[in-house]
PDB file of N, CA and C in Angstrom:
ATOM      1  N   MET A   1      -6.920 -12.049  -9.959  1.00  0.00           N
ATOM      2  CA  MET A   1      -6.065 -13.080 -10.511  1.00  0.00           C
ATOM      3  C   MET A   1      -5.785 -14.099  -9.419  1.00  0.00           C
ATOM      4  N   LEU A   2      -6.095 -15.319  -9.673  1.00  0.00           N
ATOM      5  CA  LEU A   2      -5.863 -16.393  -8.718  1.00  0.00           C
ATOM      6  C   LEU A   2      -4.760 -17.305  -9.227  1.00  0.00           C
ATOM      7  N   GLU A   3      -3.924 -17.747  -8.338  1.00  0.00           N
ATOM      8  CA  GLU A   3      -2.848 -18.685  -8.660  1.00  0.00           C
ATOM      9  C   GLU A   3      -2.760 -19.708  -7.540  1.00  0.00           C
ATOM     10  N   ILE A   4      -2.469 -20.933  -7.886  1.00  0.00           N
ATOM     11  CA  ILE A   4      -2.206 -21.966  -6.883  1.00  0.00           C
ATOM     12  C   ILE A   4      -0.700 -22.066  -6.731  1.00  0.00           C
ATOM     13  N   ILE A   5      -0.243 -21.976  -5.489  1.00  0.00           N
ATOM     14  CA  ILE A   5       1.186 -22.104  -5.203  1.00  0.00           C
ATOM     15  C   ILE A   5       1.380 -23.203  -4.175  1.00  0.00           C
ATOM     16  N   THR A   6       2.618 -23.637  -3.994  1.00  0.00           N
ATOM     17  CA  THR A   6       2.934 -24.725  -3.068  1.00  0.00           C
ATOM     18  C   THR A   6       3.965 -24.245  -2.059  1.00  0.00           C
ATOM     19  N   ILE A   7       3.806 -24.667  -0.820  1.00  0.00           N
ATOM     20  CA  ILE A   7       4.809 -24.389   0.206  1.00  0.00           C
ATOM     21  C   ILE A   7       5.931 -25.397   0.030  1.00  0.00           C
ATOM     22  N   GLY A   8       7.161 -24.889  -0.088  1.00  0.00           N
ATOM     23  CA  GLY A   8       8.317 -25.753  -0.316  1.00  0.00           C
ATOM     24  C   GLY A   8       8.845 -26.382   0.963  1.00  0.00           C
ATOM     25  N   LYS A   9       9.938 -27.148   0.825  1.00  0.00           N
ATOM     26  CA  LYS A   9      10.537 -27.868   1.963  1.00  0.00           C
ATOM     27  C   LYS A   9      10.958 -26.938   3.088  1.00  0.00           C
ATOM     28  N   LYS A  10      11.401 -25.742   2.741  1.00  0.00           N
ATOM     29  CA  LYS A  10      11.850 -24.791   3.761  1.00  0.00           C
ATOM     30  C   LYS A  10      10.729 -23.827   4.157  1.00  0.00           C
ATOM     31  N   ASN A  11       9.485 -24.253   3.936  1.00  0.00           N
ATOM     32  CA  ASN A  11       8.301 -23.435   4.246  1.00  0.00           C
ATOM     33  C   ASN A  11       8.301 -22.105   3.505  1.00  0.00           C
ATOM     34  N   GLN A  12       8.839 -22.099   2.298  1.00  0.00           N
ATOM     35  CA  GLN A  12       8.862 -20.900   1.472  1.00  0.00           C
ATOM     36  C   GLN A  12       7.829 -21.029   0.358  1.00  0.00           C
ATOM     37  N   ILE A  13       7.337 -19.882  -0.072  1.00  0.00           N
ATOM     38  CA  ILE A  13       6.446 -19.859  -1.226  1.00  0.00           C
ATOM     39  C   ILE A  13       7.102 -19.020  -2.316  1.00  0.00           C
ATOM     40  N   VAL A  14       6.731 -19.277  -3.554  1.00  0.00           N
ATOM     41  CA  VAL A  14       7.255 -18.518  -4.683  1.00  0.00           C
ATOM     42  C   VAL A  14       6.093 -17.759  -5.306  1.00  0.00           C
ATOM     43  N   ILE A  15       6.271 -16.467  -5.472  1.00  0.00           N
ATOM     44  CA  ILE A  15       5.258 -15.660  -6.151  1.00  0.00           C
ATOM     45  C   ILE A  15       5.459 -15.869  -7.645  1.00  0.00           C
ATOM     46  N   PRO A  16       4.439 -16.321  -8.353  1.00  0.00           N
ATOM     47  CA  PRO A  16       4.589 -16.598  -9.781  1.00  0.00           C
ATOM     48  C   PRO A  16       5.103 -15.388 -10.567  1.00  0.00           C
ATOM     49  N   LYS A  17       5.880 -15.674 -11.606  1.00  0.00           N
ATOM     50  CA  LYS A  17       6.535 -14.642 -12.407  1.00  0.00           C
ATOM     51  C   LYS A  17       5.552 -13.613 -12.957  1.00  0.00           C
ATOM     52  N   LYS A  18       4.404 -14.054 -13.482  1.00  0.00           N
ATOM     53  CA  LYS A  18       3.477 -13.085 -14.073  1.00  0.00           C
ATOM     54  C   LYS A  18       2.906 -12.124 -13.028  1.00  0.00           C
ATOM     55  N   ILE A  19       2.778 -12.594 -11.782  1.00  0.00           N
ATOM     56  CA  ILE A  19       2.304 -11.704 -10.716  1.00  0.00           C
ATOM     57  C   ILE A  19       3.411 -10.749 -10.299  1.00  0.00           C
ATOM     58  N   ARG A  20       4.643 -11.277 -10.160  1.00  0.00           N
ATOM     59  CA  ARG A  20       5.773 -10.398  -9.824  1.00  0.00           C
ATOM     60  C   ARG A  20       5.929  -9.304 -10.869  1.00  0.00           C
ATOM     61  N   LYS A  21       5.817  -9.686 -12.136  1.00  0.00           N
ATOM     62  CA  LYS A  21       5.966  -8.719 -13.225  1.00  0.00           C
ATOM     63  C   LYS A  21       4.846  -7.681 -13.186  1.00  0.00           C
ATOM     64  N   ARG A  22       3.621  -8.131 -13.010  1.00  0.00           N
ATOM     65  CA  ARG A  22       2.465  -7.227 -12.971  1.00  0.00           C
ATOM     66  C   ARG A  22       2.578  -6.206 -11.846  1.00  0.00           C
ATOM     67  N   LEU A  23       3.086  -6.655 -10.687  1.00  0.00           N
ATOM     68  CA  LEU A  23       3.200  -5.770  -9.519  1.00  0.00           C
ATOM     69  C   LEU A  23       4.555  -5.081  -9.417  1.00  0.00           C
ATOM     70  N   GLY A  24       5.474  -5.405 -10.317  1.00  0.00           N
ATOM     71  CA  GLY A  24       6.800  -4.784 -10.286  1.00  0.00           C
ATOM     72  C   GLY A  24       7.628  -5.215  -9.090  1.00  0.00           C
ATOM     73  N   LEU A  25       7.461  -6.454  -8.650  1.00  0.00           N
ATOM     74  CA  LEU A  25       8.193  -6.958  -7.484  1.00  0.00           C
ATOM     75  C   LEU A  25       9.548  -7.506  -7.907  1.00  0.00           C
ATOM     76  N   ARG A  26      10.566  -7.158  -7.146  1.00  0.00           N
ATOM     77  CA  ARG A  26      11.921  -7.648  -7.408  1.00  0.00           C
ATOM     78  C   ARG A  26      12.535  -8.161  -6.104  1.00  0.00           C
ATOM     79  N   GLU A  27      13.629  -8.859  -6.236  1.00  0.00           N
ATOM     80  CA  GLU A  27      14.331  -9.380  -5.058  1.00  0.00           C
ATOM     81  C   GLU A  27      14.632  -8.240  -4.091  1.00  0.00           C
ATOM     82  N   GLY A  28      14.358  -8.478  -2.821  1.00  0.00           N
ATOM     83  CA  GLY A  28      14.637  -7.489  -1.780  1.00  0.00           C
ATOM     84  C   GLY A  28      13.460  -6.581  -1.460  1.00  0.00           C
ATOM     85  N   ARG A  29      12.417  -6.614  -2.254  1.00  0.00           N
ATOM     86  CA  ARG A  29      11.249  -5.754  -2.018  1.00  0.00           C
ATOM     87  C   ARG A  29      10.552  -6.198  -0.734  1.00  0.00           C
ATOM     88  N   LYS A  30      10.174  -5.254   0.081  1.00  0.00           N
ATOM     89  CA  LYS A  30       9.506  -5.544   1.346  1.00  0.00           C
ATOM     90  C   LYS A  30       8.005  -5.700   1.119  1.00  0.00           C
ATOM     91  N   LEU A  31       7.428  -6.719   1.747  1.00  0.00           N
ATOM     92  CA  LEU A  31       5.994  -6.978   1.680  1.00  0.00           C
ATOM     93  C   LEU A  31       5.441  -7.034   3.094  1.00  0.00           C
ATOM     94  N   LEU A  32       4.222  -6.595   3.238  1.00  0.00           N
ATOM     95  CA  LEU A  32       3.510  -6.683   4.505  1.00  0.00           C
ATOM     96  C   LEU A  32       2.610  -7.902   4.434  1.00  0.00           C
ATOM     97  N   LEU A  33       2.690  -8.775   5.423  1.00  0.00           N
ATOM     98  CA  LEU A  33       1.834  -9.963   5.488  1.00  0.00           C
ATOM     99  C   LEU A  33       0.788  -9.737   6.561  1.00  0.00           C
ATOM    100  N   GLU A  34      -0.464  -9.782   6.163  1.00  0.00           N
ATOM    101  CA  GLU A  34      -1.571  -9.603   7.098  1.00  0.00           C
ATOM    102  C   GLU A  34      -2.397 -10.880   7.112  1.00  0.00           C
ATOM    103  N   VAL A  35      -2.768 -11.334   8.305  1.00  0.00           N
ATOM    104  CA  VAL A  35      -3.602 -12.522   8.441  1.00  0.00           C
ATOM    105  C   VAL A  35      -5.010 -12.071   8.799  1.00  0.00           C
ATOM    106  N   GLU A  36      -5.967 -12.466   7.964  1.00  0.00           N
ATOM    107  CA  GLU A  36      -7.380 -12.146   8.180  1.00  0.00           C
ATOM    108  C   GLU A  36      -8.131 -13.462   8.299  1.00  0.00           C
ATOM    109  N   GLU A  37      -8.439 -13.836   9.515  1.00  0.00           N
ATOM    110  CA  GLU A  37      -9.084 -15.117   9.799  1.00  0.00           C
ATOM    111  C   GLU A  37      -8.286 -16.251   9.159  1.00  0.00           C
ATOM    112  N   ASN A  38      -8.786 -16.866   8.094  1.00  0.00           N
ATOM    113  CA  ASN A  38      -8.037 -17.987   7.494  1.00  0.00           C
ATOM    114  C   ASN A  38      -7.367 -17.584   6.179  1.00  0.00           C
ATOM    115  N   ARG A  39      -7.141 -16.281   5.989  1.00  0.00           N
ATOM    116  CA  ARG A  39      -6.528 -15.778   4.757  1.00  0.00           C
ATOM    117  C   ARG A  39      -5.236 -15.040   5.054  1.00  0.00           C
ATOM    118  N   MET A  40      -4.302 -15.114   4.112  1.00  0.00           N
ATOM    119  CA  MET A  40      -3.088 -14.311   4.179  1.00  0.00           C
ATOM    120  C   MET A  40      -3.154 -13.295   3.051  1.00  0.00           C
ATOM    121  N   VAL A  41      -2.832 -12.051   3.367  1.00  0.00           N
ATOM    122  CA  VAL A  41      -2.836 -10.995   2.366  1.00  0.00           C
ATOM    123  C   VAL A  41      -1.444 -10.376   2.347  1.00  0.00           C
ATOM    124  N   LEU A  42      -0.825 -10.353   1.168  1.00  0.00           N
ATOM    125  CA  LEU A  42       0.485  -9.721   0.995  1.00  0.00           C
ATOM    126  C   LEU A  42       0.290  -8.371   0.322  1.00  0.00           C
ATOM    127  N   VAL A  43       0.925  -7.339   0.869  1.00  0.00           N
ATOM    128  CA  VAL A  43       0.836  -6.002   0.308  1.00  0.00           C
ATOM    129  C   VAL A  43       2.262  -5.489   0.119  1.00  0.00           C
ATOM    130  N   ALA A  44       2.569  -5.042  -1.090  1.00  0.00           N
ATOM    131  CA  ALA A  44       3.893  -4.479  -1.359  1.00  0.00           C
ATOM    132  C   ALA A  44       3.991  -3.115  -0.686  1.00  0.00           C
ATOM    133  N   LEU A  45       5.019  -2.935   0.150  1.00  0.00           N
ATOM    134  CA  LEU A  45       5.223  -1.645   0.809  1.00  0.00           C
ATOM    135  C   LEU A  45       5.822  -0.662  -0.185  1.00  0.00           C
ATOM    136  N   PRO A  46       5.431   0.607  -0.094  1.00  0.00           N
ATOM    137  CA  PRO A  46       6.001   1.597  -1.012  1.00  0.00           C
ATOM    138  C   PRO A  46       7.497   1.744  -0.774  1.00  0.00           C
ATOM    139  N   GLN A  47       8.235   1.951  -1.869  1.00  0.00           N
ATOM    140  CA  GLN A  47       9.680   2.112  -1.758  1.00  0.00           C
ATOM    141  C   GLN A  47      10.089   3.578  -1.726  1.00  0.00           C
ATOM    142  N   SER A  48       9.179   4.463  -2.136  1.00  0.00           N
ATOM    143  CA  SER A  48       9.510   5.884  -2.154  1.00  0.00           C
ATOM    144  C   SER A  48       8.247   6.699  -1.925  1.00  0.00           C
ATOM    145  N   ILE A  49       8.450   7.963  -1.644  1.00  0.00           N
ATOM    146  CA  ILE A  49       7.321   8.860  -1.410  1.00  0.00           C
ATOM    147  C   ILE A  49       6.503   9.029  -2.684  1.00  0.00           C
ATOM    148  N   GLU A  50       7.152   8.934  -3.837  1.00  0.00           N
ATOM    149  CA  GLU A  50       6.450   9.080  -5.107  1.00  0.00           C
ATOM    150  C   GLU A  50       5.381   8.004  -5.291  1.00  0.00           C
ATOM    151  N   GLU A  51       5.621   6.807  -4.750  1.00  0.00           N
ATOM    152  CA  GLU A  51       4.663   5.714  -4.885  1.00  0.00           C
ATOM    153  C   GLU A  51       3.375   5.956  -4.112  1.00  0.00           C
ATOM    154  N   ILE A  52       3.429   6.812  -3.086  1.00  0.00           N
ATOM    155  CA  ILE A  52       2.213   7.053  -2.305  1.00  0.00           C
ATOM    156  C   ILE A  52       1.625   8.429  -2.575  1.00  0.00           C
ATOM    157  N   ALA A  53       2.237   9.195  -3.472  1.00  0.00           N
ATOM    158  CA  ALA A  53       1.710  10.516  -3.807  1.00  0.00           C
ATOM    159  C   ALA A  53       0.294  10.368  -4.361  1.00  0.00           C
ATOM    160  N   GLY A  54      -0.611  11.145  -3.851  1.00  0.00           N
ATOM    161  CA  GLY A  54      -1.985  11.135  -4.342  1.00  0.00           C
ATOM    162  C   GLY A  54      -2.861  10.049  -3.755  1.00  0.00           C
ATOM    163  N   ILE A  55      -2.343   9.310  -2.786  1.00  0.00           N
ATOM    164  CA  ILE A  55      -3.094   8.183  -2.232  1.00  0.00           C
ATOM    165  C   ILE A  55      -4.403   8.634  -1.569  1.00  0.00           C
ATOM    166  N   GLY A  56      -4.438   9.878  -1.076  1.00  0.00           N
ATOM    167  CA  GLY A  56      -5.645  10.360  -0.404  1.00  0.00           C
ATOM    168  C   GLY A  56      -6.567  11.162  -1.306  1.00  0.00           C
ATOM    169  N   LYS A  57      -6.245  11.208  -2.606  1.00  0.00           N
ATOM    170  CA  LYS A  57      -7.056  12.000  -3.534  1.00  0.00           C
ATOM    171  C   LYS A  57      -8.506  11.525  -3.505  1.00  0.00           C
ATOM    172  N   GLY A  58      -9.400  12.483  -3.358  1.00  0.00           N
ATOM    173  CA  GLY A  58     -10.823  12.167  -3.316  1.00  0.00           C
ATOM    174  C   GLY A  58     -11.326  11.792  -1.931  1.00  0.00           C
ATOM    175  N   LEU A  59     -10.438  11.775  -0.953  1.00  0.00           N
ATOM    176  CA  LEU A  59     -10.829  11.403   0.402  1.00  0.00           C
ATOM    177  C   LEU A  59     -11.712  12.475   1.054  1.00  0.00           C
ATOM    178  N   TYR A  60     -11.402  13.742   0.755  1.00  0.00           N
ATOM    179  CA  TYR A  60     -12.163  14.859   1.317  1.00  0.00           C
ATOM    180  C   TYR A  60     -12.887  15.595   0.203  1.00  0.00           C
ATOM    181  N   GLU A  61     -13.995  16.251   0.540  1.00  0.00           N
ATOM    182  CA  GLU A  61     -14.724  17.042  -0.452  1.00  0.00           C
ATOM    183  C   GLU A  61     -13.859  18.215  -0.902  1.00  0.00           C
ATOM    184  N   ASP A  62     -14.110  18.705  -2.099  1.00  0.00           N
ATOM    185  CA  ASP A  62     -13.344  19.828  -2.647  1.00  0.00           C
ATOM    186  C   ASP A  62     -13.379  21.021  -1.704  1.00  0.00           C
ATOM    187  N   GLY A  63     -12.218  21.593  -1.450  1.00  0.00           N
ATOM    188  CA  GLY A  63     -12.112  22.789  -0.628  1.00  0.00           C
ATOM    189  C   GLY A  63     -12.023  22.540   0.859  1.00  0.00           C
ATOM    190  N   TYR A  64     -12.262  21.315   1.314  1.00  0.00           N
ATOM    191  CA  TYR A  64     -12.276  21.032   2.750  1.00  0.00           C
ATOM    192  C   TYR A  64     -10.923  21.335   3.398  1.00  0.00           C
ATOM    193  N   LEU A  65      -9.848  20.836   2.797  1.00  0.00           N
ATOM    194  CA  LEU A  65      -8.528  21.032   3.396  1.00  0.00           C
ATOM    195  C   LEU A  65      -8.121  22.502   3.389  1.00  0.00           C
ATOM    196  N   ASP A  66      -8.489  23.244   2.342  1.00  0.00           N
ATOM    197  CA  ASP A  66      -8.193  24.686   2.311  1.00  0.00           C
ATOM    198  C   ASP A  66      -8.914  25.407   3.437  1.00  0.00           C
ATOM    199  N   ARG A  67     -10.201  25.064   3.661  1.00  0.00           N
ATOM    200  CA  ARG A  67     -10.949  25.674   4.766  1.00  0.00           C
ATOM    201  C   ARG A  67     -10.310  25.340   6.108  1.00  0.00           C
ATOM    202  N   LEU A  68      -9.898  24.100   6.266  1.00  0.00           N
ATOM    203  CA  LEU A  68      -9.282  23.667   7.517  1.00  0.00           C
ATOM    204  C   LEU A  68      -7.970  24.411   7.763  1.00  0.00           C
ATOM    205  N   ARG A  69      -7.170  24.570   6.717  1.00  0.00           N
ATOM    206  CA  ARG A  69      -5.902  25.311   6.851  1.00  0.00           C
ATOM    207  C   ARG A  69      -6.146  26.760   7.248  1.00  0.00           C
ATOM    208  N   ARG A  70      -7.173  27.390   6.631  1.00  0.00           N
ATOM    209  CA  ARG A  70      -7.505  28.780   6.993  1.00  0.00           C
ATOM    210  C   ARG A  70      -7.894  28.877   8.465  1.00  0.00           C
ATOM    211  N   GLU A  71      -8.695  27.905   8.940  1.00  0.00           N
ATOM    212  CA  GLU A  71      -9.085  27.896  10.356  1.00  0.00           C
ATOM    213  C   GLU A  71      -7.859  27.798  11.249  1.00  0.00           C
ATOM    214  N   TRP A  72      -6.913  26.926  10.877  1.00  0.00           N
ATOM    215  CA  TRP A  72      -5.691  26.782  11.678  1.00  0.00           C
ATOM    216  C   TRP A  72      -4.902  28.095  11.688  1.00  0.00           C
ATOM    217  N   ASP A  73      -4.799  28.725  10.503  1.00  0.00           N
ATOM    218  CA  ASP A  73      -4.065  30.004  10.417  1.00  0.00           C
ATOM    219  C   ASP A  73      -4.717  31.066  11.296  1.00  0.00           C
ATOM    220  N   GLU A  74      -6.052  31.132  11.247  1.00  0.00           N
ATOM    221  CA  GLU A  74      -6.772  32.113  12.053  1.00  0.00           C
ATOM    222  C   GLU A  74      -6.561  31.869  13.538  1.00  0.00           C
ATOM    223  N   LYS A  75      -6.581  30.608  13.950  1.00  0.00           N
ATOM    224  CA  LYS A  75      -6.374  30.274  15.363  1.00  0.00           C
ATOM    225  C   LYS A  75      -4.958  30.599  15.802  1.00  0.00           C
ATOM    226  N   SER A  76      -3.974  30.402  14.930  1.00  0.00           N
ATOM    227  CA  SER A  76      -2.594  30.650  15.312  1.00  0.00           C
ATOM    228  C   SER A  76      -2.301  32.144  15.404  1.00  0.00           C
ATOM    229  N   LEU A  77      -3.104  32.985  14.742  1.00  0.00           N
ATOM    230  CA  LEU A  77      -2.907  34.432  14.802  1.00  0.00           C
ATOM    231  C   LEU A  77      -3.519  35.043  16.051  1.00  0.00           C
ATOM    232  N   ARG A  78      -4.364  34.312  16.735  1.00  0.00           N
ATOM    233  CA  ARG A  78      -5.018  34.839  17.943  1.00  0.00           C
ATOM    234  C   ARG A  78      -4.088  34.916  19.104  1.00  0.00           C
TER     235      ARG A  78
END
């Protein structure tokens, strides 16, 4: 989704209503601003642990973390 916005007199920008609604952004929400060469990227920071639950799903092959935990347990028993 692309939107054209304007920088105001106080160097502020307004996030359009339909984007705020789509992303669930409200007053006071913290955003991360990242500059990539000539681009600005805004990322909404999570407000709770529930928002990031499952973020790593699919990152590791099935059973990998269980095997790793067993190895740690075995090493700690030595």
